[in-house]
Amino acid sequence: MKDARADVGSVSIAADRRSSVVGDYLALTKPRLNLLVVATSAAGYYLGAPLVRVLPMAAAVAGTALVAGGAAVLNQVYERDTDALMRRTRTRPLPDHRVTHGDAQRFGILLASAGIVCLMLLANVLAAALALITIVVYLFVYTPMKRRSSAATLVGAVPGALPPLIGWAAAHGTLSIGGLALFAIVFLWQIPHFMAIAWLYRDDYRQAGFPMLPVVEPDGRRTGRHAVIYASVLMPVSLAPTLVGVSGWAYFWIALALGTALIWLAARFATSRSDAAARRLFFGSIIYLPLIWASMIVFH
């Protein structure tokens, strides 16, 4: 009986270890961020497709998600030392030494390569090329630039906004004005969203040596101004899907209302520059994006 219990215990421990390893590798892909990639690339495909076909759409979304996951892993390989200095990132698998940087690097390259091949074979060359641009800008421009300039936020918004355009290109085969409008919406949305994050975690970024706007200018005036400017530009751009025939007029009025609310939250943050206002802007931006996409799809 003792031997049987010991065997059961050993099996349970081994299973727990395997589960922990799988969880660590999954965490490296930033699954919550990848959920946004999946949603926006699927929406881009749906809105750009003359006729939606489930399997090609699933292949395009899967390829985009693999590329985004691989890029996230490789970004963490590069930033493992600075991640160890920040409270919100020091328990990630790489700075916590639960995964070696060599294993993570191989994993990231495998995911990214598989995603590009998937898009090339099951979607089209244009979608695969956009995915490759996503990786190049994210890893070789944005990631090293983060340590040198606060302008990295704008550069980082480019690969962040490419998933819906990849989905559109996979379905439509071209970069038409409708797909570019989707790209612009996500690009502009990211700035007030990231300004709120940068303000809330400014001490972390200062500790790690990242020259984010709230670190370079602690009074927060430019941080708040950027949030208001980009939220204000986002308003008319978010109306473009109606004007170019992607969505109907019901979407137009919903986008107008959501855009007004986001500008108000950004203005409140710019005026007070408090953590509470930044937190409201952060959560408001999180609510804004799925509502805008859902409205666009429902009234397509």
Protein backbone atom coordinates (compact mmCIF):
# COMPACT_ATOMS: atom_id res chain seq x y z
CA MET A 1 0.00 0.00 0.00
CA LYS A 2 2.86 2.41 0.83
CA ASP A 3 4.47 1.78 -2.55
CA ALA A 4 1.15 2.40 -4.31
CA ARG A 5 0.65 5.68 -2.44
CA ALA A 6 4.22 6.73 -3.25
CA ASP A 7 3.67 5.98 -6.93
CA VAL A 8 0.46 8.01 -6.95
CA GLY A 9 2.28 10.87 -5.20
CA SER A 10 5.13 10.77 -7.72
CA VAL A 11 2.70 10.85 -10.64
CA SER A 12 0.85 13.79 -9.06
CA ILE A 13 4.10 15.76 -8.55
CA ALA A 14 5.22 15.06 -12.12
CA ALA A 15 1.83 16.19 -13.43
CA ASP A 16 2.02 19.40 -11.37
CA ARG A 17 5.49 20.12 -12.74
CA ARG A 18 4.35 19.58 -16.31
CA SER A 19 1.37 21.83 -15.70
CA SER A 20 3.65 24.50 -14.24
CA VAL A 21 6.00 24.34 -17.23
CA VAL A 22 3.10 24.59 -19.69
CA GLY A 23 1.73 27.53 -17.72
CA ASP A 24 5.09 29.31 -17.84
CA TYR A 25 5.43 28.91 -21.59
CA LEU A 26 1.83 30.04 -22.06
CA ALA A 27 2.53 33.11 -19.89
CA LEU A 28 5.47 34.02 -22.14
CA THR A 29 3.04 34.49 -25.05
CA LYS A 30 1.10 37.13 -23.05
CA PRO A 31 -2.29 35.41 -23.52
CA ARG A 32 -4.38 38.40 -22.39
CA LEU A 33 -2.69 40.62 -24.96
CA ASN A 34 -3.02 37.84 -27.53
CA LEU A 35 -6.76 37.76 -26.88
CA LEU A 36 -6.89 41.31 -28.24
CA VAL A 37 -4.86 40.18 -31.27
CA VAL A 38 -7.25 37.30 -31.92
CA ALA A 39 -10.32 39.53 -31.57
CA THR A 40 -9.07 42.37 -33.79
CA SER A 41 -7.64 40.09 -36.49
CA ALA A 42 -10.90 38.10 -36.59
CA ALA A 43 -12.87 41.35 -36.80
CA GLY A 44 -10.59 42.62 -39.58
CA TYR A 45 -11.12 39.40 -41.54
CA TYR A 46 -14.89 39.47 -41.07
CA LEU A 47 -15.20 43.13 -42.09
CA GLY A 48 -12.93 42.70 -45.12
CA ALA A 49 -14.31 39.44 -46.48
CA PRO A 50 -16.79 39.53 -49.40
CA LEU A 51 -17.86 36.09 -48.16
CA VAL A 52 -16.79 34.82 -44.73
CA ARG A 53 -15.42 31.28 -44.77
CA VAL A 54 -14.82 29.80 -41.34
CA LEU A 55 -11.70 27.68 -41.97
CA PRO A 56 -9.69 30.35 -43.88
CA MET A 57 -10.71 32.88 -41.22
CA ALA A 58 -9.57 30.53 -38.43
CA ALA A 59 -6.26 29.93 -40.22
CA ALA A 60 -5.64 33.68 -40.63
CA VAL A 61 -6.46 34.38 -36.99
CA ALA A 62 -4.32 31.47 -35.77
CA GLY A 63 -1.36 32.60 -37.88
CA THR A 64 -1.65 36.16 -36.56
CA ALA A 65 -1.90 34.89 -32.96
CA LEU A 66 1.20 32.71 -33.41
CA VAL A 67 3.18 35.66 -34.74
CA ALA A 68 2.01 37.89 -31.88
CA GLY A 69 2.79 35.19 -29.30
CA GLY A 70 6.25 34.61 -30.75
CA ALA A 71 7.00 38.34 -30.78
CA ALA A 72 5.87 38.61 -27.14
CA VAL A 73 8.20 35.77 -26.12
CA LEU A 74 11.20 37.27 -27.96
CA ASN A 75 10.46 40.70 -26.49
CA GLN A 76 10.66 39.19 -22.99
CA VAL A 77 13.93 37.47 -23.86
CA TYR A 78 15.39 40.89 -24.75
CA GLU A 79 13.91 42.63 -21.70
CA ARG A 80 14.47 39.94 -19.07
CA ASP A 81 16.96 42.09 -17.14
CA THR A 82 14.75 45.18 -16.98
CA ASP A 83 11.69 43.01 -16.25
CA ALA A 84 13.52 41.81 -13.12
CA LEU A 85 13.66 45.42 -11.88
CA MET A 86 9.93 46.14 -12.08
CA ARG A 87 7.31 45.01 -9.57
CA ARG A 88 4.68 44.14 -12.16
CA THR A 89 7.05 42.05 -14.34
CA ARG A 90 9.66 40.53 -12.01
CA THR A 91 7.64 37.35 -11.47
CA ARG A 92 7.49 36.57 -15.19
CA PRO A 93 9.05 33.21 -16.13
CA LEU A 94 12.33 34.64 -17.48
CA PRO A 95 13.33 37.09 -14.70
CA ASP A 96 12.14 34.51 -12.15
CA HIS A 97 14.42 31.91 -13.83
CA ARG A 98 11.64 29.39 -14.38
CA VAL A 99 12.47 29.27 -18.10
CA THR A 100 15.96 29.76 -19.55
CA HIS A 101 16.44 32.52 -22.10
CA GLY A 102 17.75 29.98 -24.64
CA ASP A 103 14.63 27.84 -24.39
CA ALA A 104 12.42 30.93 -24.55
CA GLN A 105 14.26 32.23 -27.60
CA ARG A 106 13.81 28.96 -29.47
CA PHE A 107 10.14 28.86 -28.47
CA GLY A 108 9.54 32.42 -29.68
CA ILE A 109 11.27 31.83 -33.03
CA LEU A 110 9.25 28.63 -33.52
CA LEU A 111 5.93 30.39 -32.85
CA ALA A 112 6.68 33.39 -35.04
CA SER A 113 7.96 31.26 -37.92
CA ALA A 114 4.95 28.95 -37.72
CA GLY A 115 2.62 31.96 -37.83
CA ILE A 116 4.22 33.45 -40.93
CA VAL A 117 4.21 30.08 -42.73
CA CYS A 118 0.57 29.56 -41.76
CA LEU A 119 -0.41 32.96 -43.18
CA MET A 120 1.62 32.45 -46.34
CA LEU A 121 0.19 29.02 -47.10
CA LEU A 122 -3.39 29.41 -45.85
CA ALA A 123 -4.05 33.12 -46.39
CA ASN A 124 -1.87 35.14 -48.79
CA VAL A 125 1.57 36.70 -49.19
CA LEU A 126 0.32 40.17 -48.23
CA ALA A 127 -0.95 38.97 -44.84
CA ALA A 128 2.35 37.11 -44.24
CA ALA A 129 4.35 40.22 -45.21
CA LEU A 130 2.37 42.38 -42.76
CA ALA A 131 3.01 39.79 -40.03
CA LEU A 132 6.74 39.92 -40.80
CA ILE A 133 6.65 43.73 -40.59
CA THR A 134 4.95 43.36 -37.20
CA ILE A 135 7.84 41.26 -35.90
CA VAL A 136 10.56 43.48 -37.37
CA VAL A 137 9.12 46.75 -36.02
CA TYR A 138 8.24 45.27 -32.62
CA LEU A 139 11.53 43.50 -31.96
CA PHE A 140 14.14 45.49 -33.87
CA VAL A 141 12.79 49.03 -33.64
CA TYR A 142 10.35 49.39 -30.73
CA THR A 143 11.98 47.07 -28.16
CA PRO A 144 15.50 48.63 -28.22
CA MET A 145 14.00 52.12 -28.63
CA LYS A 146 12.10 51.76 -25.32
CA ARG A 147 15.36 52.24 -23.44
CA ARG A 148 16.27 55.39 -25.36
CA SER A 149 13.21 57.52 -26.10
CA SER A 150 9.66 58.19 -24.96
CA ALA A 151 8.73 58.25 -28.67
CA ALA A 152 8.94 54.43 -28.55
CA THR A 153 5.27 54.43 -27.49
CA LEU A 154 4.25 55.74 -30.92
CA VAL A 155 6.48 53.24 -32.71
CA GLY A 156 5.13 50.38 -30.59
CA ALA A 157 1.58 51.34 -31.54
CA VAL A 158 2.32 50.36 -35.16
CA PRO A 159 2.75 46.58 -34.61
CA GLY A 160 -0.04 46.76 -32.04
CA ALA A 161 -2.41 48.05 -34.72
CA LEU A 162 -1.41 45.64 -37.49
CA PRO A 163 -3.49 42.54 -36.48
CA PRO A 164 -6.82 43.91 -37.83
CA LEU A 165 -5.03 44.93 -41.03
CA ILE A 166 -3.54 41.42 -41.32
CA GLY A 167 -7.04 39.96 -40.95
CA TRP A 168 -8.39 42.40 -43.53
CA ALA A 169 -5.55 41.59 -45.97
CA ALA A 170 -6.08 37.83 -45.49
CA ALA A 171 -9.75 38.21 -46.44
CA HIS A 172 -9.68 41.08 -48.92
CA GLY A 173 -6.28 40.58 -50.53
CA THR A 174 -5.52 44.33 -50.64
CA LEU A 175 -4.80 47.25 -48.32
CA SER A 176 -7.93 49.26 -49.12
CA ILE A 177 -9.14 52.30 -47.22
CA GLY A 178 -11.43 50.18 -45.03
CA GLY A 179 -8.53 48.12 -43.70
CA LEU A 180 -6.41 51.24 -43.15
CA ALA A 181 -9.27 52.78 -41.15
CA LEU A 182 -9.27 49.74 -38.84
CA PHE A 183 -5.49 50.07 -38.44
CA ALA A 184 -5.79 53.78 -37.62
CA ILE A 185 -8.47 53.19 -34.97
CA VAL A 186 -6.34 50.71 -33.02
CA PHE A 187 -3.18 52.81 -33.51
CA LEU A 188 -4.75 55.96 -32.08
CA TRP A 189 -6.58 54.11 -29.29
CA GLN A 190 -3.31 52.75 -27.93
CA ILE A 191 -1.86 56.17 -27.04
CA PRO A 192 -4.38 57.27 -24.34
CA HIS A 193 -4.45 53.65 -23.16
CA PHE A 194 -0.64 53.53 -22.81
CA MET A 195 -0.45 57.03 -21.30
CA ALA A 196 -2.66 55.80 -18.47
CA ILE A 197 -0.47 52.71 -17.98
CA ALA A 198 2.74 54.77 -18.10
CA TRP A 199 1.39 57.10 -15.42
CA LEU A 200 0.19 54.32 -13.13
CA TYR A 201 3.50 52.43 -13.37
CA ARG A 202 5.83 55.42 -13.64
CA ASP A 203 7.86 54.36 -10.61
CA ASP A 204 8.42 50.92 -12.12
CA TYR A 205 9.51 52.42 -15.43
CA ARG A 206 11.85 54.85 -13.62
CA GLN A 207 13.37 51.98 -11.65
CA ALA A 208 14.02 50.02 -14.86
CA GLY A 209 15.41 53.03 -16.71
CA PHE A 210 12.67 53.34 -19.34
CA PRO A 211 12.29 57.01 -20.40
CA MET A 212 8.50 56.99 -20.57
CA LEU A 213 6.83 60.41 -20.67
CA PRO A 214 5.87 60.43 -16.94
CA VAL A 215 9.51 59.56 -16.11
CA VAL A 216 11.05 62.20 -18.40
CA GLU A 217 8.52 64.83 -17.33
CA PRO A 218 7.21 63.93 -13.85
CA ASP A 219 4.60 66.70 -13.76
CA GLY A 220 2.55 64.71 -16.28
CA ARG A 221 1.52 67.66 -18.45
CA ARG A 222 2.71 66.13 -21.74
CA THR A 223 1.37 62.71 -20.70
CA GLY A 224 -2.10 64.16 -20.21
CA ARG A 225 -1.84 66.29 -23.36
CA HIS A 226 -0.92 63.24 -25.45
CA ALA A 227 -3.90 61.33 -24.05
CA VAL A 228 -6.29 64.15 -24.99
CA ILE A 229 -4.81 64.81 -28.45
CA TYR A 230 -4.88 61.18 -29.57
CA ALA A 231 -8.32 60.53 -28.09
CA SER A 232 -9.57 63.63 -29.96
CA VAL A 233 -8.03 62.51 -33.27
CA LEU A 234 -9.46 59.04 -32.69
CA MET A 235 -13.00 60.46 -32.63
CA PRO A 236 -13.30 61.42 -36.34
CA VAL A 237 -11.17 58.46 -37.45
CA SER A 238 -13.50 56.05 -35.61
CA LEU A 239 -16.36 57.39 -37.75
CA ALA A 240 -14.56 56.48 -40.98
CA PRO A 241 -15.94 52.90 -41.22
CA THR A 242 -19.40 54.38 -41.84
CA LEU A 243 -18.11 56.89 -44.37
CA VAL A 244 -16.25 54.23 -46.40
CA GLY A 245 -19.09 51.70 -46.30
CA VAL A 246 -17.69 49.21 -43.79
CA SER A 247 -20.43 49.83 -41.19
CA GLY A 248 -23.81 51.53 -41.05
CA TRP A 249 -25.10 54.72 -39.46
CA ALA A 250 -26.05 53.05 -36.18
CA TYR A 251 -22.34 52.34 -35.70
CA PHE A 252 -21.58 56.01 -36.49
CA TRP A 253 -23.64 57.30 -33.57
CA ILE A 254 -22.32 54.63 -31.17
CA ALA A 255 -18.72 55.49 -32.14
CA LEU A 256 -19.49 59.18 -31.64
CA ALA A 257 -20.80 58.53 -28.12
CA LEU A 258 -17.90 56.23 -27.19
CA GLY A 259 -15.36 58.69 -28.58
CA THR A 260 -16.90 61.53 -26.57
CA ALA A 261 -16.66 59.46 -23.39
CA LEU A 262 -13.01 58.60 -24.06
CA ILE A 263 -12.11 62.26 -24.68
CA TRP A 264 -13.82 63.19 -21.42
CA LEU A 265 -11.84 60.58 -19.48
CA ALA A 266 -8.60 61.72 -21.12
CA ALA A 267 -9.38 65.36 -20.29
CA ARG A 268 -10.12 64.49 -16.66
CA PHE A 269 -6.76 62.73 -16.46
CA ALA A 270 -4.94 65.64 -18.14
CA THR A 271 -6.53 68.10 -15.71
CA SER A 272 -5.92 66.23 -12.44
CA ARG A 273 -3.00 63.94 -13.39
CA SER A 274 -4.00 61.65 -10.52
CA ASP A 275 -3.75 57.89 -10.24
CA ALA A 276 -7.54 57.65 -9.88
CA ALA A 277 -8.11 59.56 -13.14
CA ALA A 278 -5.45 57.48 -14.92
CA ARG A 279 -7.12 54.30 -13.69
CA ARG A 280 -10.51 55.49 -14.99
CA LEU A 281 -8.95 56.27 -18.36
CA PHE A 282 -7.27 52.86 -18.42
CA PHE A 283 -10.49 50.96 -17.71
CA GLY A 284 -12.49 53.24 -19.98
CA SER A 285 -10.13 52.52 -22.87
CA ILE A 286 -10.44 48.78 -22.20
CA ILE A 287 -14.24 49.07 -22.41
CA TYR A 288 -14.09 51.35 -25.47
CA LEU A 289 -12.28 49.00 -27.85
CA PRO A 290 -14.48 45.87 -27.66
CA LEU A 291 -17.61 48.03 -27.85
CA ILE A 292 -16.38 49.83 -30.95
CA TRP A 293 -15.48 46.54 -32.65
CA ALA A 294 -18.72 44.84 -31.64
CA SER A 295 -20.73 47.78 -32.99
CA MET A 296 -18.79 47.74 -36.23
CA ILE A 297 -19.48 44.03 -36.70
CA VAL A 298 -23.15 44.11 -35.69
CA PHE A 299 -23.90 47.01 -38.04
CA HIS A 300 -21.59 45.82 -40.84
